Protein backbone atom coordinates (compact mmCIF):
# COMPACT_ATOMS: atom_id res chain seq x y z
CA UNK A 1 0.00 0.00 0.00
CA UNK A 2 1.31 3.44 -0.90
CA UNK A 3 1.71 6.33 1.50
CA UNK A 4 2.12 9.99 0.67
CA UNK A 5 2.81 13.31 2.35
CA UNK A 6 0.51 16.07 1.14
CA UNK A 7 0.43 19.78 1.85
CA UNK A 8 -2.80 21.75 2.29
CA UNK A 9 -3.82 24.66 4.46
CA UNK A 10 -0.23 25.35 5.49
CA UNK A 11 0.10 21.90 7.09
CA UNK A 12 1.51 18.55 5.98
CA UNK A 13 -0.33 15.23 6.38
CA UNK A 14 0.82 11.60 6.03
CA UNK A 15 -1.96 9.72 4.23
CA UNK A 16 -2.82 6.23 2.93
CA UNK A 17 -5.48 5.12 0.48
CA UNK A 18 -8.87 4.78 2.17
CA UNK A 19 -7.92 7.03 5.09
CA UNK A 20 -10.20 9.86 6.23
CA UNK A 21 -8.58 13.08 7.49
CA UNK A 22 -9.72 16.54 8.59
CA UNK A 23 -8.03 19.45 6.84
CA UNK A 24 -8.50 23.21 6.83
CA UNK A 25 -11.69 24.31 5.05
CA UNK A 26 -11.72 23.64 1.31
CA UNK A 27 -13.96 25.45 -1.17
CA UNK A 28 -15.64 22.28 -2.46
CA UNK A 29 -19.08 20.71 -2.16
CA UNK A 30 -19.67 17.36 -0.45
CA UNK A 31 -19.05 14.56 -2.95
CA UNK A 32 -16.64 16.61 -5.04
CA UNK A 33 -13.17 15.33 -5.98
CA UNK A 34 -10.09 17.34 -4.99
CA UNK A 35 -6.38 16.87 -5.73
CA UNK A 36 -3.53 17.72 -3.36
CA UNK A 37 0.08 18.71 -4.00
CA UNK A 38 2.29 15.78 -3.06
CA UNK A 39 5.67 16.19 -1.40
CA UNK A 40 6.60 12.50 -1.12
CA UNK A 41 5.23 9.15 -2.37
CA UNK A 42 6.45 5.80 -1.07
CA UNK A 43 5.34 2.24 -0.39
CA UNK A 44 5.13 0.86 3.16
CA UNK A 45 8.67 -0.58 3.12
CA UNK A 46 10.15 2.63 1.62
CA UNK A 47 11.84 0.71 -1.19
CA UNK A 48 10.32 2.90 -3.92
CA UNK A 49 10.59 6.50 -2.81
CA UNK A 50 9.72 9.56 -4.89
CA UNK A 51 10.72 12.88 -3.36
CA UNK A 52 9.68 16.20 -4.87
CA UNK A 53 11.73 19.35 -5.07
CA UNK A 54 9.56 21.05 -3.81
CA UNK A 55 6.57 18.93 -4.95
CA UNK A 56 5.66 16.08 -7.28
CA UNK A 57 2.45 17.70 -8.51
CA UNK A 58 -1.11 16.56 -7.93
CA UNK A 59 -0.75 12.82 -7.34
CA UNK A 60 -3.23 12.35 -4.47
CA UNK A 61 -6.97 12.33 -5.20
CA UNK A 62 -9.58 12.66 -2.45
CA UNK A 63 -13.36 12.87 -2.10
CA UNK A 64 -14.93 15.57 0.09
CA UNK A 65 -17.20 14.06 2.74
CA UNK A 66 -18.41 17.15 4.63
CA UNK A 67 -17.45 20.56 5.99
CA UNK A 68 -18.19 21.22 9.67
CA UNK A 69 -16.90 23.08 12.69
CA UNK A 70 -14.14 21.48 14.74
CA UNK A 71 -14.00 21.25 18.54
CA UNK A 72 -13.99 24.49 20.50
CA UNK A 73 -10.66 26.01 21.46
CA UNK A 74 -10.85 28.19 24.58
CA UNK A 75 -8.45 31.10 25.04
CA UNK A 76 -8.08 32.71 28.46
CA UNK A 77 -6.34 36.05 28.98
CA UNK A 78 -5.42 36.90 32.57
CA UNK A 79 -3.39 39.63 34.26
CA UNK A 80 -2.64 39.31 37.93
CA UNK A 81 -3.34 42.12 40.43
CA UNK A 82 -5.46 44.12 37.96
CA UNK A 83 -8.76 42.14 38.08
CA UNK A 84 -8.52 41.45 34.35
CA UNK A 85 -9.75 38.14 32.98
CA UNK A 86 -11.18 37.45 29.52
CA UNK A 87 -12.35 34.14 28.01
CA UNK A 88 -12.92 33.68 24.28
CA UNK A 89 -13.96 30.53 22.39
CA UNK A 90 -13.35 29.70 18.73
CA UNK A 91 -14.47 26.87 16.42
CA UNK A 92 -12.45 26.44 13.22
CA UNK A 93 -14.10 25.15 10.03
CA UNK A 94 -12.66 21.80 8.89
CA UNK A 95 -13.32 19.64 5.83
CA UNK A 96 -13.33 15.85 6.13
CA UNK A 97 -11.85 14.15 3.06
CA UNK A 98 -11.36 10.48 2.16
CA UNK A 99 -8.21 9.61 0.21
CA UNK A 100 -9.28 7.62 -2.85
CA UNK A 101 -6.08 7.21 -4.90
CA UNK A 102 -2.34 7.78 -4.73
CA UNK A 103 -0.81 7.79 -8.21
PDB file of N, CA and C in Angstrom:
ATOM      1  N   UNK A   1       0.843  -1.180   0.000  1.00  0.00           N
ATOM      2  CA  UNK A   1       0.000   0.000   0.000  1.00  0.00           C
ATOM      3  C   UNK A   1       0.886   1.240   0.000  1.00  0.00           C
ATOM      4  N   UNK A   2       0.519   2.223  -0.790  1.00  0.00           N
ATOM      5  CA  UNK A   2       1.313   3.437  -0.897  1.00  0.00           C
ATOM      6  C   UNK A   2       0.944   4.427   0.202  1.00  0.00           C
ATOM      7  N   UNK A   3       1.937   5.207   0.598  1.00  0.00           N
ATOM      8  CA  UNK A   3       1.709   6.325   1.502  1.00  0.00           C
ATOM      9  C   UNK A   3       2.211   7.578   0.804  1.00  0.00           C
ATOM     10  N   UNK A   4       1.697   8.724   1.257  1.00  0.00           N
ATOM     11  CA  UNK A   4       2.117   9.991   0.671  1.00  0.00           C
ATOM     12  C   UNK A   4       2.095  11.064   1.738  1.00  0.00           C
ATOM     13  N   UNK A   5       2.858  12.114   1.502  1.00  0.00           N
ATOM     14  CA  UNK A   5       2.813  13.305   2.346  1.00  0.00           C
ATOM     15  C   UNK A   5       2.280  14.431   1.478  1.00  0.00           C
ATOM     16  N   UNK A   6       1.144  15.003   1.909  1.00  0.00           N
ATOM     17  CA  UNK A   6       0.506  16.068   1.143  1.00  0.00           C
ATOM     18  C   UNK A   6       0.581  17.364   1.928  1.00  0.00           C
ATOM     19  N   UNK A   7       0.408  18.470   1.217  1.00  0.00           N
ATOM     20  CA  UNK A   7       0.432  19.784   1.852  1.00  0.00           C
ATOM     21  C   UNK A   7      -0.852  20.515   1.482  1.00  0.00           C
ATOM     22  N   UNK A   8      -1.593  20.960   2.497  1.00  0.00           N
ATOM     23  CA  UNK A   8      -2.795  21.750   2.289  1.00  0.00           C
ATOM     24  C   UNK A   8      -3.061  22.582   3.533  1.00  0.00           C
ATOM     25  N   UNK A   9      -3.500  23.794   3.332  1.00  0.00           N
ATOM     26  CA  UNK A   9      -3.818  24.665   4.464  1.00  0.00           C
ATOM     27  C   UNK A   9      -2.621  25.018   5.318  1.00  0.00           C
ATOM     28  N   UNK A  10      -1.422  25.008   4.737  1.00  0.00           N
ATOM     29  CA  UNK A  10      -0.226  25.350   5.490  1.00  0.00           C
ATOM     30  C   UNK A  10       0.280  24.231   6.379  1.00  0.00           C
ATOM     31  N   UNK A  11      -0.315  23.038   6.272  1.00  0.00           N
ATOM     32  CA  UNK A  11       0.099  21.902   7.088  1.00  0.00           C
ATOM     33  C   UNK A  11       0.417  20.721   6.182  1.00  0.00           C
ATOM     34  N   UNK A  12       1.173  19.755   6.721  1.00  0.00           N
ATOM     35  CA  UNK A  12       1.514  18.548   5.983  1.00  0.00           C
ATOM     36  C   UNK A  12       0.869  17.350   6.672  1.00  0.00           C
ATOM     37  N   UNK A  13       0.362  16.403   5.862  1.00  0.00           N
ATOM     38  CA  UNK A  13      -0.329  15.234   6.380  1.00  0.00           C
ATOM     39  C   UNK A  13       0.252  13.979   5.737  1.00  0.00           C
ATOM     40  N   UNK A  14       0.408  12.919   6.526  1.00  0.00           N
ATOM     41  CA  UNK A  14       0.819  11.598   6.025  1.00  0.00           C
ATOM     42  C   UNK A  14      -0.462  10.813   5.802  1.00  0.00           C
ATOM     43  N   UNK A  15      -0.692  10.361   4.566  1.00  0.00           N
ATOM     44  CA  UNK A  15      -1.957   9.723   4.226  1.00  0.00           C
ATOM     45  C   UNK A  15      -1.735   8.379   3.532  1.00  0.00           C
ATOM     46  N   UNK A  16      -2.757   7.514   3.637  1.00  0.00           N
ATOM     47  CA  UNK A  16      -2.819   6.234   2.932  1.00  0.00           C
ATOM     48  C   UNK A  16      -4.124   6.198   2.162  1.00  0.00           C
ATOM     49  N   UNK A  17      -4.235   5.284   1.210  1.00  0.00           N
ATOM     50  CA  UNK A  17      -5.475   5.117   0.479  1.00  0.00           C
ATOM     51  C   UNK A  17      -6.557   4.606   1.432  1.00  0.00           C
ATOM     52  N   UNK A  18      -7.759   5.182   1.320  1.00  0.00           N
ATOM     53  CA  UNK A  18      -8.873   4.776   2.167  1.00  0.00           C
ATOM     54  C   UNK A  18      -8.949   5.514   3.497  1.00  0.00           C
ATOM     55  N   UNK A  19      -7.955   6.311   3.831  1.00  0.00           N
ATOM     56  CA  UNK A  19      -7.923   7.028   5.092  1.00  0.00           C
ATOM     57  C   UNK A  19      -8.787   8.286   5.019  1.00  0.00           C
ATOM     58  N   UNK A  20      -9.420   8.638   6.140  1.00  0.00           N
ATOM     59  CA  UNK A  20     -10.204   9.864   6.234  1.00  0.00           C
ATOM     60  C   UNK A  20      -9.475  10.833   7.157  1.00  0.00           C
ATOM     61  N   UNK A  21      -9.268  12.075   6.687  1.00  0.00           N
ATOM     62  CA  UNK A  21      -8.577  13.078   7.493  1.00  0.00           C
ATOM     63  C   UNK A  21      -9.383  14.369   7.499  1.00  0.00           C
ATOM     64  N   UNK A  22      -9.132  15.204   8.518  1.00  0.00           N
ATOM     65  CA  UNK A  22      -9.724  16.537   8.593  1.00  0.00           C
ATOM     66  C   UNK A  22      -8.652  17.555   8.233  1.00  0.00           C
ATOM     67  N   UNK A  23      -8.963  18.413   7.264  1.00  0.00           N
ATOM     68  CA  UNK A  23      -8.027  19.449   6.836  1.00  0.00           C
ATOM     69  C   UNK A  23      -8.704  20.803   6.972  1.00  0.00           C
ATOM     70  N   UNK A  24      -7.924  21.871   6.805  1.00  0.00           N
ATOM     71  CA  UNK A  24      -8.500  23.212   6.829  1.00  0.00           C
ATOM     72  C   UNK A  24      -9.575  23.317   5.753  1.00  0.00           C
ATOM     73  N   UNK A  25     -10.526  24.209   5.930  1.00  0.00           N
ATOM     74  CA  UNK A  25     -11.687  24.308   5.054  1.00  0.00           C
ATOM     75  C   UNK A  25     -11.295  24.446   3.590  1.00  0.00           C
ATOM     76  N   UNK A  26     -11.908  23.595   2.755  1.00  0.00           N
ATOM     77  CA  UNK A  26     -11.715  23.641   1.309  1.00  0.00           C
ATOM     78  C   UNK A  26     -12.978  24.181   0.657  1.00  0.00           C
ATOM     79  N   UNK A  27     -12.815  24.909  -0.431  1.00  0.00           N
ATOM     80  CA  UNK A  27     -13.961  25.452  -1.171  1.00  0.00           C
ATOM     81  C   UNK A  27     -14.471  24.400  -2.148  1.00  0.00           C
ATOM     82  N   UNK A  28     -15.107  23.353  -1.623  1.00  0.00           N
ATOM     83  CA  UNK A  28     -15.636  22.279  -2.462  1.00  0.00           C
ATOM     84  C   UNK A  28     -16.897  21.724  -1.809  1.00  0.00           C
ATOM     85  N   UNK A  29     -17.822  21.295  -2.638  1.00  0.00           N
ATOM     86  CA  UNK A  29     -19.080  20.712  -2.162  1.00  0.00           C
ATOM     87  C   UNK A  29     -18.836  19.276  -1.691  1.00  0.00           C
ATOM     88  N   UNK A  30     -19.751  18.760  -0.867  1.00  0.00           N
ATOM     89  CA  UNK A  30     -19.673  17.363  -0.448  1.00  0.00           C
ATOM     90  C   UNK A  30     -19.855  16.471  -1.669  1.00  0.00           C
ATOM     91  N   UNK A  31     -19.016  15.460  -1.804  1.00  0.00           N
ATOM     92  CA  UNK A  31     -19.055  14.555  -2.947  1.00  0.00           C
ATOM     93  C   UNK A  31     -18.122  14.957  -4.073  1.00  0.00           C
ATOM     94  N   UNK A  32     -17.548  16.143  -4.002  1.00  0.00           N
ATOM     95  CA  UNK A  32     -16.636  16.606  -5.042  1.00  0.00           C
ATOM     96  C   UNK A  32     -15.272  15.924  -4.897  1.00  0.00           C
ATOM     97  N   UNK A  33     -14.513  15.907  -5.981  1.00  0.00           N
ATOM     98  CA  UNK A  33     -13.174  15.335  -5.980  1.00  0.00           C
ATOM     99  C   UNK A  33     -12.154  16.466  -5.961  1.00  0.00           C
ATOM    100  N   UNK A  34     -11.151  16.340  -5.079  1.00  0.00           N
ATOM    101  CA  UNK A  34     -10.089  17.339  -4.989  1.00  0.00           C
ATOM    102  C   UNK A  34      -8.741  16.636  -5.138  1.00  0.00           C
ATOM    103  N   UNK A  35      -7.739  17.391  -5.589  1.00  0.00           N
ATOM    104  CA  UNK A  35      -6.382  16.872  -5.727  1.00  0.00           C
ATOM    105  C   UNK A  35      -5.454  17.708  -4.861  1.00  0.00           C
ATOM    106  N   UNK A  36      -4.470  17.054  -4.255  1.00  0.00           N
ATOM    107  CA  UNK A  36      -3.531  17.720  -3.361  1.00  0.00           C
ATOM    108  C   UNK A  36      -2.125  17.672  -3.935  1.00  0.00           C
ATOM    109  N   UNK A  37      -1.342  18.716  -3.654  1.00  0.00           N
ATOM    110  CA  UNK A  37       0.077  18.713  -4.005  1.00  0.00           C
ATOM    111  C   UNK A  37       0.792  17.692  -3.125  1.00  0.00           C
ATOM    112  N   UNK A  38       1.619  16.877  -3.744  1.00  0.00           N
ATOM    113  CA  UNK A  38       2.285  15.783  -3.060  1.00  0.00           C
ATOM    114  C   UNK A  38       3.761  16.112  -2.894  1.00  0.00           C
ATOM    115  N   UNK A  39       4.266  15.938  -1.685  1.00  0.00           N
ATOM    116  CA  UNK A  39       5.673  16.188  -1.401  1.00  0.00           C
ATOM    117  C   UNK A  39       6.500  14.914  -1.490  1.00  0.00           C
ATOM    118  N   UNK A  40       5.874  13.760  -1.145  1.00  0.00           N
ATOM    119  CA  UNK A  40       6.598  12.499  -1.120  1.00  0.00           C
ATOM    120  C   UNK A  40       5.614  11.364  -1.366  1.00  0.00           C
ATOM    121  N   UNK A  41       6.018  10.361  -2.146  1.00  0.00           N
ATOM    122  CA  UNK A  41       5.229   9.152  -2.366  1.00  0.00           C
ATOM    123  C   UNK A  41       6.150   7.962  -2.142  1.00  0.00           C
ATOM    124  N   UNK A  42       5.649   6.973  -1.382  1.00  0.00           N
ATOM    125  CA  UNK A  42       6.449   5.803  -1.069  1.00  0.00           C
ATOM    126  C   UNK A  42       5.531   4.616  -0.836  1.00  0.00           C
ATOM    127  N   UNK A  43       6.113   3.387  -0.839  1.00  0.00           N
ATOM    128  CA  UNK A  43       5.343   2.237  -0.391  1.00  0.00           C
ATOM    129  C   UNK A  43       5.656   2.020   1.087  1.00  0.00           C
ATOM    130  N   UNK A  44       4.981   1.068   1.708  1.00  0.00           N
ATOM    131  CA  UNK A  44       5.126   0.861   3.159  1.00  0.00           C
ATOM    132  C   UNK A  44       6.570   0.561   3.576  1.00  0.00           C
ATOM    133  N   UNK A  45       7.311  -0.195   2.762  1.00  0.00           N
ATOM    134  CA  UNK A  45       8.674  -0.579   3.121  1.00  0.00           C
ATOM    135  C   UNK A  45       9.699   0.486   2.743  1.00  0.00           C
ATOM    136  N   UNK A  46       9.281   1.543   2.057  1.00  0.00           N
ATOM    137  CA  UNK A  46      10.151   2.635   1.623  1.00  0.00           C
ATOM    138  C   UNK A  46      11.219   2.160   0.635  1.00  0.00           C
ATOM    139  N   UNK A  47      10.890   1.144  -0.169  1.00  0.00           N
ATOM    140  CA  UNK A  47      11.842   0.708  -1.189  1.00  0.00           C
ATOM    141  C   UNK A  47      11.737   1.576  -2.438  1.00  0.00           C
ATOM    142  N   UNK A  48      10.524   1.987  -2.793  1.00  0.00           N
ATOM    143  CA  UNK A  48      10.318   2.898  -3.922  1.00  0.00           C
ATOM    144  C   UNK A  48       9.914   4.247  -3.363  1.00  0.00           C
ATOM    145  N   UNK A  49      10.821   5.199  -3.415  1.00  0.00           N
ATOM    146  CA  UNK A  49      10.594   6.503  -2.806  1.00  0.00           C
ATOM    147  C   UNK A  49      10.718   7.584  -3.862  1.00  0.00           C
ATOM    148  N   UNK A  50       9.677   8.413  -3.991  1.00  0.00           N
ATOM    149  CA  UNK A  50       9.718   9.564  -4.888  1.00  0.00           C
ATOM    150  C   UNK A  50       9.656  10.812  -4.024  1.00  0.00           C
ATOM    151  N   UNK A  51      10.653  11.667  -4.157  1.00  0.00           N
ATOM    152  CA  UNK A  51      10.720  12.878  -3.361  1.00  0.00           C
ATOM    153  C   UNK A  51      10.692  14.075  -4.291  1.00  0.00           C
ATOM    154  N   UNK A  52       9.806  15.024  -4.016  1.00  0.00           N
ATOM    155  CA  UNK A  52       9.678  16.200  -4.865  1.00  0.00           C
ATOM    156  C   UNK A  52      10.616  17.309  -4.445  1.00  0.00           C
ATOM    157  N   UNK A  53      10.892  18.194  -5.371  1.00  0.00           N
ATOM    158  CA  UNK A  53      11.726  19.349  -5.074  1.00  0.00           C
ATOM    159  C   UNK A  53      11.078  20.583  -5.695  1.00  0.00           C
ATOM    160  N   UNK A  54      10.155  21.266  -5.127  1.00  0.00           N
ATOM    161  CA  UNK A  54       9.559  21.049  -3.809  1.00  0.00           C
ATOM    162  C   UNK A  54       8.363  20.108  -3.815  1.00  0.00           C
ATOM    163  N   UNK A  55       7.709  19.854  -4.967  1.00  0.00           N
ATOM    164  CA  UNK A  55       6.573  18.934  -4.952  1.00  0.00           C
ATOM    165  C   UNK A  55       6.591  18.061  -6.204  1.00  0.00           C
ATOM    166  N   UNK A  56       5.781  17.003  -6.160  1.00  0.00           N
ATOM    167  CA  UNK A  56       5.664  16.084  -7.283  1.00  0.00           C
ATOM    168  C   UNK A  56       4.471  16.408  -8.164  1.00  0.00           C
ATOM    169  N   UNK A  57       3.671  17.379  -7.781  1.00  0.00           N
ATOM    170  CA  UNK A  57       2.449  17.698  -8.513  1.00  0.00           C
ATOM    171  C   UNK A  57       1.240  17.116  -7.810  1.00  0.00           C
ATOM    172  N   UNK A  58       0.129  17.037  -8.520  1.00  0.00           N
ATOM    173  CA  UNK A  58      -1.114  16.557  -7.929  1.00  0.00           C
ATOM    174  C   UNK A  58      -1.247  15.057  -8.142  1.00  0.00           C
ATOM    175  N   UNK A  59      -0.715  14.268  -7.212  1.00  0.00           N
ATOM    176  CA  UNK A  59      -0.746  12.815  -7.337  1.00  0.00           C
ATOM    177  C   UNK A  59      -1.734  12.165  -6.376  1.00  0.00           C
ATOM    178  N   UNK A  60      -2.295  12.911  -5.433  1.00  0.00           N
ATOM    179  CA  UNK A  60      -3.232  12.349  -4.466  1.00  0.00           C
ATOM    180  C   UNK A  60      -4.625  12.894  -4.767  1.00  0.00           C
ATOM    181  N   UNK A  61      -5.584  11.977  -4.928  1.00  0.00           N
ATOM    182  CA  UNK A  61      -6.969  12.332  -5.198  1.00  0.00           C
ATOM    183  C   UNK A  61      -7.810  11.982  -3.978  1.00  0.00           C
ATOM    184  N   UNK A  62      -8.727  12.883  -3.616  1.00  0.00           N
ATOM    185  CA  UNK A  62      -9.577  12.657  -2.447  1.00  0.00           C
ATOM    186  C   UNK A  62     -11.007  13.086  -2.747  1.00  0.00           C
ATOM    187  N   UNK A  63     -11.944  12.527  -1.969  1.00  0.00           N
ATOM    188  CA  UNK A  63     -13.361  12.867  -2.099  1.00  0.00           C
ATOM    189  C   UNK A  63     -13.775  13.627  -0.846  1.00  0.00           C
ATOM    190  N   UNK A  64     -14.470  14.758  -1.034  1.00  0.00           N
ATOM    191  CA  UNK A  64     -14.926  15.573   0.087  1.00  0.00           C
ATOM    192  C   UNK A  64     -16.140  14.897   0.720  1.00  0.00           C
ATOM    193  N   UNK A  65     -16.083  14.681   2.035  1.00  0.00           N
ATOM    194  CA  UNK A  65     -17.200  14.059   2.738  1.00  0.00           C
ATOM    195  C   UNK A  65     -18.138  15.140   3.278  1.00  0.00           C
ATOM    196  N   UNK A  66     -17.590  16.063   4.089  1.00  0.00           N
ATOM    197  CA  UNK A  66     -18.406  17.148   4.626  1.00  0.00           C
ATOM    198  C   UNK A  66     -17.517  18.254   5.168  1.00  0.00           C
ATOM    199  N   UNK A  67     -18.123  19.426   5.351  1.00  0.00           N
ATOM    200  CA  UNK A  67     -17.453  20.555   5.995  1.00  0.00           C
ATOM    201  C   UNK A  67     -18.224  20.885   7.258  1.00  0.00           C
ATOM    202  N   UNK A  68     -17.533  20.961   8.383  1.00  0.00           N
ATOM    203  CA  UNK A  68     -18.186  21.219   9.667  1.00  0.00           C
ATOM    204  C   UNK A  68     -17.221  21.950  10.585  1.00  0.00           C
ATOM    205  N   UNK A  69     -17.748  22.427  11.701  1.00  0.00           N
ATOM    206  CA  UNK A  69     -16.901  23.085  12.686  1.00  0.00           C
ATOM    207  C   UNK A  69     -16.184  22.051  13.537  1.00  0.00           C
ATOM    208  N   UNK A  70     -14.949  22.352  13.906  1.00  0.00           N
ATOM    209  CA  UNK A  70     -14.136  21.480  14.738  1.00  0.00           C
ATOM    210  C   UNK A  70     -14.468  21.734  16.206  1.00  0.00           C
ATOM    211  N   UNK A  71     -13.786  21.050  17.111  1.00  0.00           N
ATOM    212  CA  UNK A  71     -14.003  21.248  18.539  1.00  0.00           C
ATOM    213  C   UNK A  71     -13.625  22.664  18.958  1.00  0.00           C
ATOM    214  N   UNK A  72     -14.238  23.137  20.034  1.00  0.00           N
ATOM    215  CA  UNK A  72     -13.994  24.491  20.504  1.00  0.00           C
ATOM    216  C   UNK A  72     -12.627  24.605  21.168  1.00  0.00           C
ATOM    217  N   UNK A  73     -11.929  25.677  20.835  1.00  0.00           N
ATOM    218  CA  UNK A  73     -10.656  26.013  21.461  1.00  0.00           C
ATOM    219  C   UNK A  73     -10.924  27.221  22.347  1.00  0.00           C
ATOM    220  N   UNK A  74     -10.607  27.106  23.631  1.00  0.00           N
ATOM    221  CA  UNK A  74     -10.852  28.185  24.582  1.00  0.00           C
ATOM    222  C   UNK A  74      -9.554  28.920  24.873  1.00  0.00           C
ATOM    223  N   UNK A  75      -9.605  30.255  24.768  1.00  0.00           N
ATOM    224  CA  UNK A  75      -8.446  31.098  25.036  1.00  0.00           C
ATOM    225  C   UNK A  75      -8.772  31.946  26.251  1.00  0.00           C
ATOM    226  N   UNK A  76      -7.882  31.932  27.245  1.00  0.00           N
ATOM    227  CA  UNK A  76      -8.078  32.710  28.463  1.00  0.00           C
ATOM    228  C   UNK A  76      -6.955  33.719  28.587  1.00  0.00           C
ATOM    229  N   UNK A  77      -7.320  35.001  28.728  1.00  0.00           N
ATOM    230  CA  UNK A  77      -6.341  36.050  28.983  1.00  0.00           C
ATOM    231  C   UNK A  77      -6.494  36.469  30.443  1.00  0.00           C
ATOM    232  N   UNK A  78      -5.376  36.591  31.152  1.00  0.00           N
ATOM    233  CA  UNK A  78      -5.423  36.903  32.572  1.00  0.00           C
ATOM    234  C   UNK A  78      -4.216  37.755  32.951  1.00  0.00           C
ATOM    235  N   UNK A  79      -4.466  38.801  33.709  1.00  0.00           N
ATOM    236  CA  UNK A  79      -3.389  39.629  34.255  1.00  0.00           C
ATOM    237  C   UNK A  79      -3.579  39.701  35.760  1.00  0.00           C
ATOM    238  N   UNK A  80      -2.529  39.333  36.474  1.00  0.00           N
ATOM    239  CA  UNK A  80      -2.643  39.312  37.926  1.00  0.00           C
ATOM    240  C   UNK A  80      -2.653  40.731  38.500  1.00  0.00           C
ATOM    241  N   UNK A  81      -3.301  40.890  39.617  1.00  0.00           N
ATOM    242  CA  UNK A  81      -3.340  42.117  40.427  1.00  0.00           C
ATOM    243  C   UNK A  81      -4.083  43.269  39.757  1.00  0.00           C
ATOM    244  N   UNK A  82      -4.728  43.041  38.617  1.00  0.00           N
ATOM    245  CA  UNK A  82      -5.463  44.120  37.956  1.00  0.00           C
ATOM    246  C   UNK A  82      -6.937  43.774  37.734  1.00  0.00           C
ATOM    247  N   UNK A  83      -7.374  42.604  38.227  1.00  0.00           N
ATOM    248  CA  UNK A  83      -8.756  42.144  38.076  1.00  0.00           C
ATOM    249  C   UNK A  83      -9.165  42.035  36.606  1.00  0.00           C
ATOM    250  N   UNK A  84      -8.235  41.603  35.770  1.00  0.00           N
ATOM    251  CA  UNK A  84      -8.522  41.452  34.346  1.00  0.00           C
ATOM    252  C   UNK A  84      -8.519  39.976  33.988  1.00  0.00           C
ATOM    253  N   UNK A  85      -9.642  39.515  33.454  1.00  0.00           N
ATOM    254  CA  UNK A  85      -9.749  38.142  32.978  1.00  0.00           C
ATOM    255  C   UNK A  85     -10.736  38.128  31.817  1.00  0.00           C
ATOM    256  N   UNK A  86     -10.330  37.493  30.698  1.00  0.00           N
ATOM    257  CA  UNK A  86     -11.175  37.447  29.524  1.00  0.00           C
ATOM    258  C   UNK A  86     -11.110  36.042  28.922  1.00  0.00           C
ATOM    259  N   UNK A  87     -12.269  35.473  28.601  1.00  0.00           N
ATOM    260  CA  UNK A  87     -12.349  34.142  28.014  1.00  0.00           C
ATOM    261  C   UNK A  87     -13.023  34.241  26.654  1.00  0.00           C
ATOM    262  N   UNK A  88     -12.391  33.653  25.645  1.00  0.00           N
ATOM    263  CA  UNK A  88     -12.916  33.680  24.281  1.00  0.00           C
ATOM    264  C   UNK A  88     -12.874  32.256  23.733  1.00  0.00           C
ATOM    265  N   UNK A  89     -13.932  31.842  23.021  1.00  0.00           N
ATOM    266  CA  UNK A  89     -13.960  30.531  22.389  1.00  0.00           C
ATOM    267  C   UNK A  89     -13.958  30.680  20.878  1.00  0.00           C
ATOM    268  N   UNK A  90     -13.446  29.650  20.186  1.00  0.00           N
ATOM    269  CA  UNK A  90     -13.350  29.700  18.728  1.00  0.00           C
ATOM    270  C   UNK A  90     -13.522  28.294  18.176  1.00  0.00           C
ATOM    271  N   UNK A  91     -14.304  28.148  17.096  1.00  0.00           N
ATOM    272  CA  UNK A  91     -14.473  26.870  16.415  1.00  0.00           C
ATOM    273  C   UNK A  91     -14.066  27.034  14.957  1.00  0.00           C
ATOM    274  N   UNK A  92     -12.993  26.344  14.564  1.00  0.00           N
ATOM    275  CA  UNK A  92     -12.451  26.437  13.217  1.00  0.00           C
ATOM    276  C   UNK A  92     -13.231  25.534  12.271  1.00  0.00           C
ATOM    277  N   UNK A  93     -13.449  25.990  11.037  1.00  0.00           N
ATOM    278  CA  UNK A  93     -14.100  25.155  10.027  1.00  0.00           C
ATOM    279  C   UNK A  93     -13.102  24.149   9.468  1.00  0.00           C
ATOM    280  N   UNK A  94     -13.503  22.881   9.403  1.00  0.00           N
ATOM    281  CA  UNK A  94     -12.662  21.802   8.890  1.00  0.00           C
ATOM    282  C   UNK A  94     -13.441  21.036   7.821  1.00  0.00           C
ATOM    283  N   UNK A  95     -12.730  20.462   6.878  1.00  0.00           N
ATOM    284  CA  UNK A  95     -13.323  19.636   5.833  1.00  0.00           C
ATOM    285  C   UNK A  95     -12.803  18.222   5.989  1.00  0.00           C
ATOM    286  N   UNK A  96     -13.709  17.256   6.060  1.00  0.00           N
ATOM    287  CA  UNK A  96     -13.329  15.846   6.127  1.00  0.00           C
ATOM    288  C   UNK A  96     -13.218  15.316   4.709  1.00  0.00           C
ATOM    289  N   UNK A  97     -12.072  14.717   4.388  1.00  0.00           N
ATOM    290  CA  UNK A  97     -11.847  14.149   3.057  1.00  0.00           C
ATOM    291  C   UNK A  97     -11.391  12.698   3.191  1.00  0.00           C
ATOM    292  N   UNK A  98     -11.786  11.883   2.207  1.00  0.00           N
ATOM    293  CA  UNK A  98     -11.364  10.480   2.158  1.00  0.00           C
ATOM    294  C   UNK A  98     -10.412  10.324   0.980  1.00  0.00           C
ATOM    295  N   UNK A  99      -9.226   9.807   1.242  1.00  0.00           N
ATOM    296  CA  UNK A  99      -8.208   9.613   0.211  1.00  0.00           C
ATOM    297  C   UNK A  99      -8.633   8.416  -0.661  1.00  0.00           C
ATOM    298  N   UNK A 100      -8.817   8.670  -1.948  1.00  0.00           N
ATOM    299  CA  UNK A 100      -9.279   7.615  -2.853  1.00  0.00           C
ATOM    300  C   UNK A 100      -8.149   6.994  -3.662  1.00  0.00           C
ATOM    301  N   UNK A 101      -7.152   7.768  -4.065  1.00  0.00           N
ATOM    302  CA  UNK A 101      -6.084   7.214  -4.900  1.00  0.00           C
ATOM    303  C   UNK A 101      -4.778   7.967  -4.698  1.00  0.00           C
ATOM    304  N   UNK A 102      -3.689   7.206  -4.733  1.00  0.00           N
ATOM    305  CA  UNK A 102      -2.336   7.779  -4.731  1.00  0.00           C
ATOM    306  C   UNK A 102      -1.668   7.267  -5.991  1.00  0.00           C
ATOM    307  N   UNK A 103      -1.366   8.188  -6.916  1.00  0.00           N
ATOM    308  CA  UNK A 103      -0.808   7.794  -8.208  1.00  0.00           C
ATOM    309  C   UNK A 103       0.677   7.544  -8.106  1.00  0.00           C
TER     310      UNK A 103
END
